[in-house]
């Protein structure tokens, strides 16, 4: 199963890379222990993939996911939403049994 990247998220990834001054690269999406629900999403812009990464692509935007994180992220939809009050990447993760109110922490 893949990570699904929406058009809105792909556009934001490309914009974020440009803002970071990266001519190449992608968004690293991962999982680490912590947060109020047990696991946190980790996102950051990176210049290149790492050995063993799975790469997901939408409209020229790349998302890098390590194999351990992929166990928790299979089938996740990565989106970007924003308004005047709040903006950011959002996750629709079918593996999450419970999420916190902020949306960056979850339990499997």
N, C-alpha and C. Protein backbone atom coordinates (compact mmCIF):
# COMPACT_ATOMS: atom_id res chain seq x y z
N UNK A 1 0.83 -1.18 0.00
CA UNK A 1 0.00 0.00 0.00
C UNK A 1 0.87 1.25 0.00
N UNK A 2 0.41 2.26 -0.64
CA UNK A 2 1.20 3.47 -0.84
C UNK A 2 0.77 4.59 0.10
N UNK A 3 1.58 5.62 0.11
CA UNK A 3 1.22 6.89 0.71
C UNK A 3 0.57 7.69 -0.42
N UNK A 4 -0.61 8.23 -0.16
CA UNK A 4 -1.32 9.01 -1.16
C UNK A 4 -1.04 10.48 -0.89
N UNK A 5 -0.56 11.17 -1.89
CA UNK A 5 -0.24 12.59 -1.78
C UNK A 5 -1.24 13.36 -2.62
N UNK A 6 -1.96 14.28 -1.99
CA UNK A 6 -2.93 15.07 -2.73
C UNK A 6 -2.22 16.14 -3.56
N UNK A 7 -2.94 16.71 -4.50
CA UNK A 7 -2.40 17.78 -5.32
C UNK A 7 -1.99 18.97 -4.46
N UNK A 8 -2.81 19.29 -3.48
CA UNK A 8 -2.52 20.41 -2.58
C UNK A 8 -1.23 20.16 -1.80
N UNK A 9 -1.04 18.94 -1.30
CA UNK A 9 0.19 18.59 -0.57
C UNK A 9 1.40 18.63 -1.50
N UNK A 10 1.23 18.14 -2.72
CA UNK A 10 2.33 18.15 -3.68
C UNK A 10 2.77 19.58 -3.98
N UNK A 11 1.82 20.46 -4.17
CA UNK A 11 2.16 21.86 -4.42
C UNK A 11 2.90 22.48 -3.24
N UNK A 12 2.47 22.17 -2.03
CA UNK A 12 3.12 22.71 -0.82
C UNK A 12 4.52 22.13 -0.65
N UNK A 13 4.71 20.86 -0.99
CA UNK A 13 6.05 20.26 -0.91
C UNK A 13 7.00 20.99 -1.84
N UNK A 14 6.56 21.21 -3.07
CA UNK A 14 7.41 21.91 -4.04
C UNK A 14 7.71 23.34 -3.58
N UNK A 15 6.72 24.01 -3.03
CA UNK A 15 6.91 25.36 -2.52
C UNK A 15 7.88 25.36 -1.33
N UNK A 16 7.72 24.40 -0.44
CA UNK A 16 8.59 24.30 0.73
C UNK A 16 10.04 24.04 0.35
N UNK A 17 10.25 23.17 -0.63
CA UNK A 17 11.61 22.90 -1.10
C UNK A 17 12.24 24.17 -1.68
N UNK A 18 11.47 24.91 -2.45
CA UNK A 18 11.97 26.16 -3.02
C UNK A 18 12.31 27.17 -1.92
N UNK A 19 11.45 27.24 -0.91
CA UNK A 19 11.69 28.15 0.21
C UNK A 19 12.97 27.78 0.97
N UNK A 20 13.27 26.49 1.04
CA UNK A 20 14.49 26.01 1.71
C UNK A 20 15.72 26.17 0.83
N UNK A 21 15.53 26.52 -0.43
CA UNK A 21 16.64 26.67 -1.35
C UNK A 21 17.12 25.36 -1.95
N UNK A 22 16.26 24.33 -1.90
CA UNK A 22 16.61 23.02 -2.46
C UNK A 22 16.14 22.95 -3.91
N UNK A 23 17.04 22.67 -4.83
CA UNK A 23 16.64 22.49 -6.22
C UNK A 23 16.12 21.08 -6.46
N UNK A 24 16.47 20.17 -5.57
CA UNK A 24 16.00 18.78 -5.61
C UNK A 24 15.63 18.39 -4.19
N UNK A 25 15.00 17.22 -4.08
CA UNK A 25 14.69 16.72 -2.75
C UNK A 25 13.23 16.40 -2.61
N UNK A 26 12.82 16.29 -1.35
CA UNK A 26 11.45 15.93 -1.07
C UNK A 26 11.13 16.14 0.39
N UNK A 27 9.96 15.66 0.76
CA UNK A 27 9.49 15.75 2.13
C UNK A 27 9.72 14.41 2.81
N UNK A 28 10.41 14.40 3.93
CA UNK A 28 10.58 13.19 4.73
C UNK A 28 9.35 13.06 5.61
N UNK A 29 8.69 11.93 5.54
CA UNK A 29 7.54 11.62 6.39
C UNK A 29 7.91 10.40 7.20
N UNK A 30 7.81 10.51 8.51
CA UNK A 30 8.18 9.40 9.37
C UNK A 30 7.34 9.37 10.63
N UNK A 31 7.69 8.44 11.50
CA UNK A 31 6.99 8.25 12.76
C UNK A 31 8.05 8.08 13.85
N UNK A 32 7.82 8.68 15.01
CA UNK A 32 8.69 8.45 16.17
C UNK A 32 7.82 8.36 17.41
N UNK A 33 8.34 7.69 18.40
CA UNK A 33 7.62 7.55 19.67
C UNK A 33 7.50 8.88 20.38
N UNK A 34 6.37 9.09 21.04
CA UNK A 34 6.15 10.31 21.81
C UNK A 34 4.78 10.88 21.57
N UNK A 35 4.56 12.05 22.10
CA UNK A 35 3.28 12.71 21.94
C UNK A 35 2.24 12.20 22.90
N UNK A 36 1.10 12.81 22.89
CA UNK A 36 0.05 12.44 23.85
C UNK A 36 -0.65 11.14 23.51
N UNK A 37 -0.49 10.65 22.28
CA UNK A 37 -1.14 9.38 21.91
C UNK A 37 -0.16 8.24 21.68
N UNK A 38 1.14 8.49 21.80
CA UNK A 38 2.11 7.40 21.68
C UNK A 38 3.07 7.50 20.51
N UNK A 39 2.59 7.96 19.35
CA UNK A 39 3.44 8.11 18.17
C UNK A 39 3.21 9.49 17.56
N UNK A 40 4.28 10.09 17.07
CA UNK A 40 4.21 11.40 16.41
C UNK A 40 4.58 11.27 14.95
N UNK A 41 3.93 12.05 14.12
CA UNK A 41 4.36 12.20 12.74
C UNK A 41 5.59 13.11 12.73
N UNK A 42 6.54 12.79 11.87
CA UNK A 42 7.72 13.61 11.69
C UNK A 42 7.76 14.04 10.23
N UNK A 43 7.89 15.34 9.99
CA UNK A 43 7.99 15.84 8.62
C UNK A 43 9.09 16.89 8.56
N UNK A 44 9.87 16.82 7.49
CA UNK A 44 10.90 17.83 7.24
C UNK A 44 11.32 17.73 5.78
N UNK A 45 11.82 18.83 5.27
CA UNK A 45 12.32 18.85 3.90
C UNK A 45 13.75 18.35 3.88
N UNK A 46 14.08 17.52 2.89
CA UNK A 46 15.43 16.98 2.75
C UNK A 46 15.88 17.08 1.31
N UNK A 47 17.21 17.21 1.13
CA UNK A 47 17.79 17.36 -0.20
C UNK A 47 17.78 16.07 -1.00
N UNK A 48 17.79 14.92 -0.33
CA UNK A 48 17.88 13.64 -1.05
C UNK A 48 17.28 12.52 -0.22
N UNK A 49 16.94 11.45 -0.90
CA UNK A 49 16.44 10.26 -0.20
C UNK A 49 17.61 9.56 0.48
N UNK A 50 17.28 8.64 1.39
CA UNK A 50 18.27 7.83 2.07
C UNK A 50 18.18 6.40 1.54
N UNK A 51 19.25 5.65 1.74
CA UNK A 51 19.24 4.24 1.33
C UNK A 51 18.08 3.53 2.02
N UNK A 52 17.33 2.76 1.28
CA UNK A 52 16.22 1.99 1.83
C UNK A 52 14.89 2.73 1.89
N UNK A 53 14.88 4.00 1.55
CA UNK A 53 13.62 4.75 1.56
C UNK A 53 12.68 4.27 0.47
N UNK A 54 11.41 4.30 0.76
CA UNK A 54 10.39 4.17 -0.27
C UNK A 54 10.07 5.59 -0.70
N UNK A 55 9.88 5.78 -2.00
CA UNK A 55 9.61 7.11 -2.54
C UNK A 55 8.21 7.11 -3.15
N UNK A 56 7.42 8.09 -2.75
CA UNK A 56 6.09 8.28 -3.30
C UNK A 56 6.10 9.64 -4.00
N UNK A 57 5.44 9.71 -5.16
CA UNK A 57 5.53 10.90 -5.99
C UNK A 57 4.16 11.34 -6.47
N UNK A 58 3.99 12.64 -6.51
CA UNK A 58 2.77 13.24 -7.07
C UNK A 58 3.16 14.53 -7.75
N UNK A 59 2.91 14.62 -9.04
CA UNK A 59 3.16 15.86 -9.80
C UNK A 59 4.57 16.41 -9.59
N UNK A 60 5.56 15.53 -9.50
CA UNK A 60 6.95 15.96 -9.34
C UNK A 60 7.38 16.21 -7.91
N UNK A 61 6.48 16.07 -6.96
CA UNK A 61 6.83 16.21 -5.54
C UNK A 61 7.10 14.82 -4.97
N UNK A 62 8.20 14.69 -4.22
CA UNK A 62 8.60 13.41 -3.67
C UNK A 62 8.40 13.36 -2.16
N UNK A 63 7.93 12.21 -1.68
CA UNK A 63 7.81 11.95 -0.25
C UNK A 63 8.68 10.74 0.05
N UNK A 64 9.61 10.89 1.00
CA UNK A 64 10.51 9.82 1.40
C UNK A 64 10.03 9.22 2.72
N UNK A 65 9.94 7.88 2.76
CA UNK A 65 9.49 7.20 3.97
C UNK A 65 10.42 6.02 4.23
N UNK A 66 10.97 5.96 5.46
CA UNK A 66 11.80 4.80 5.81
C UNK A 66 10.89 3.59 6.04
N UNK A 67 11.46 2.39 5.91
CA UNK A 67 10.64 1.17 5.96
C UNK A 67 9.96 0.96 7.31
N UNK A 68 10.61 1.33 8.41
CA UNK A 68 9.99 1.17 9.73
C UNK A 68 8.75 2.06 9.85
N UNK A 69 8.88 3.31 9.42
CA UNK A 69 7.74 4.22 9.48
C UNK A 69 6.62 3.78 8.57
N UNK A 70 6.98 3.18 7.43
CA UNK A 70 5.97 2.75 6.48
C UNK A 70 5.00 1.74 7.09
N UNK A 71 5.47 0.96 8.05
CA UNK A 71 4.58 0.00 8.74
C UNK A 71 3.38 0.71 9.36
N UNK A 72 3.60 1.93 9.86
CA UNK A 72 2.54 2.69 10.52
C UNK A 72 1.80 3.64 9.58
N UNK A 73 2.36 3.85 8.39
CA UNK A 73 1.81 4.85 7.48
C UNK A 73 1.15 4.30 6.23
N UNK A 74 1.17 2.99 6.03
CA UNK A 74 0.58 2.41 4.82
C UNK A 74 -0.86 2.88 4.64
N UNK A 75 -1.14 3.38 3.45
CA UNK A 75 -2.50 3.82 3.14
C UNK A 75 -2.83 5.23 3.59
N UNK A 76 -1.87 5.93 4.19
CA UNK A 76 -2.11 7.28 4.68
C UNK A 76 -2.24 8.26 3.51
N UNK A 77 -3.18 9.18 3.64
CA UNK A 77 -3.30 10.28 2.70
C UNK A 77 -2.69 11.51 3.34
N UNK A 78 -1.71 12.10 2.63
CA UNK A 78 -1.06 13.33 3.05
C UNK A 78 -1.70 14.48 2.29
N UNK A 79 -2.21 15.45 3.03
CA UNK A 79 -2.88 16.60 2.41
C UNK A 79 -2.32 17.88 3.01
N UNK A 80 -2.63 18.98 2.39
CA UNK A 80 -2.29 20.31 2.91
C UNK A 80 -3.57 21.09 3.00
N UNK A 81 -3.81 21.68 4.15
CA UNK A 81 -4.99 22.53 4.27
C UNK A 81 -4.58 23.80 5.00
N UNK A 82 -5.27 24.83 4.70
CA UNK A 82 -4.93 26.09 5.35
C UNK A 82 -6.00 27.13 5.20
N UNK A 83 -6.10 27.94 6.21
CA UNK A 83 -6.97 29.11 6.18
C UNK A 83 -6.27 30.21 6.98
N UNK A 84 -6.96 31.26 7.27
CA UNK A 84 -6.33 32.36 8.00
C UNK A 84 -5.92 31.98 9.41
N UNK A 85 -6.58 31.02 10.00
CA UNK A 85 -6.30 30.65 11.39
C UNK A 85 -5.24 29.57 11.53
N UNK A 86 -5.21 28.63 10.59
CA UNK A 86 -4.31 27.49 10.73
C UNK A 86 -4.00 26.90 9.37
N UNK A 87 -2.77 26.44 9.22
CA UNK A 87 -2.40 25.76 7.98
C UNK A 87 -1.34 24.71 8.29
N UNK A 88 -1.32 23.67 7.47
CA UNK A 88 -0.32 22.63 7.66
C UNK A 88 -0.70 21.34 6.95
N UNK A 89 0.24 20.40 7.01
CA UNK A 89 -0.03 19.08 6.46
C UNK A 89 -0.99 18.35 7.38
N UNK A 90 -1.89 17.59 6.78
CA UNK A 90 -2.83 16.78 7.54
C UNK A 90 -2.68 15.33 7.10
N UNK A 91 -3.04 14.42 7.99
CA UNK A 91 -2.86 13.00 7.76
C UNK A 91 -4.19 12.27 7.96
N UNK A 92 -4.54 11.47 6.99
CA UNK A 92 -5.67 10.55 7.14
C UNK A 92 -5.06 9.16 7.14
N UNK A 93 -4.85 8.62 8.33
CA UNK A 93 -4.11 7.36 8.51
C UNK A 93 -5.07 6.24 8.91
N UNK A 94 -5.29 5.27 8.02
CA UNK A 94 -6.21 4.18 8.34
C UNK A 94 -5.69 3.26 9.44
N UNK A 95 -4.42 3.36 9.79
CA UNK A 95 -3.84 2.53 10.84
C UNK A 95 -4.02 3.11 12.23
N UNK A 96 -4.37 4.39 12.32
CA UNK A 96 -4.51 5.08 13.59
C UNK A 96 -5.82 4.66 14.27
N UNK A 97 -5.69 4.14 15.46
CA UNK A 97 -6.87 3.76 16.23
C UNK A 97 -7.40 4.94 17.03
N UNK A 98 -6.48 5.85 17.39
CA UNK A 98 -6.85 7.03 18.17
C UNK A 98 -5.87 8.13 17.79
N UNK A 99 -6.37 9.37 17.70
CA UNK A 99 -5.50 10.51 17.44
C UNK A 99 -5.76 11.58 18.48
N UNK A 100 -4.78 12.44 18.65
CA UNK A 100 -4.96 13.56 19.57
C UNK A 100 -5.68 14.69 18.83
N UNK A 101 -6.08 15.69 19.55
CA UNK A 101 -6.85 16.78 18.94
C UNK A 101 -6.02 17.61 17.96
N UNK A 102 -4.69 17.64 18.15
CA UNK A 102 -3.86 18.46 17.25
C UNK A 102 -3.57 17.72 15.94
N UNK A 103 -3.76 16.41 15.89
CA UNK A 103 -3.60 15.65 14.66
C UNK A 103 -2.18 15.21 14.35
N UNK A 104 -1.23 15.45 15.24
CA UNK A 104 0.15 15.02 14.95
C UNK A 104 0.60 13.84 15.81
N UNK A 105 -0.30 13.33 16.65
CA UNK A 105 0.02 12.19 17.49
C UNK A 105 -1.09 11.16 17.33
N UNK A 106 -0.69 9.88 17.34
CA UNK A 106 -1.69 8.82 17.14
C UNK A 106 -1.26 7.52 17.82
N UNK A 107 -2.21 6.61 17.93
CA UNK A 107 -2.00 5.28 18.48
C UNK A 107 -2.42 4.26 17.43
N UNK A 108 -1.66 3.17 17.33
CA UNK A 108 -2.04 2.09 16.40
C UNK A 108 -2.55 0.90 17.18
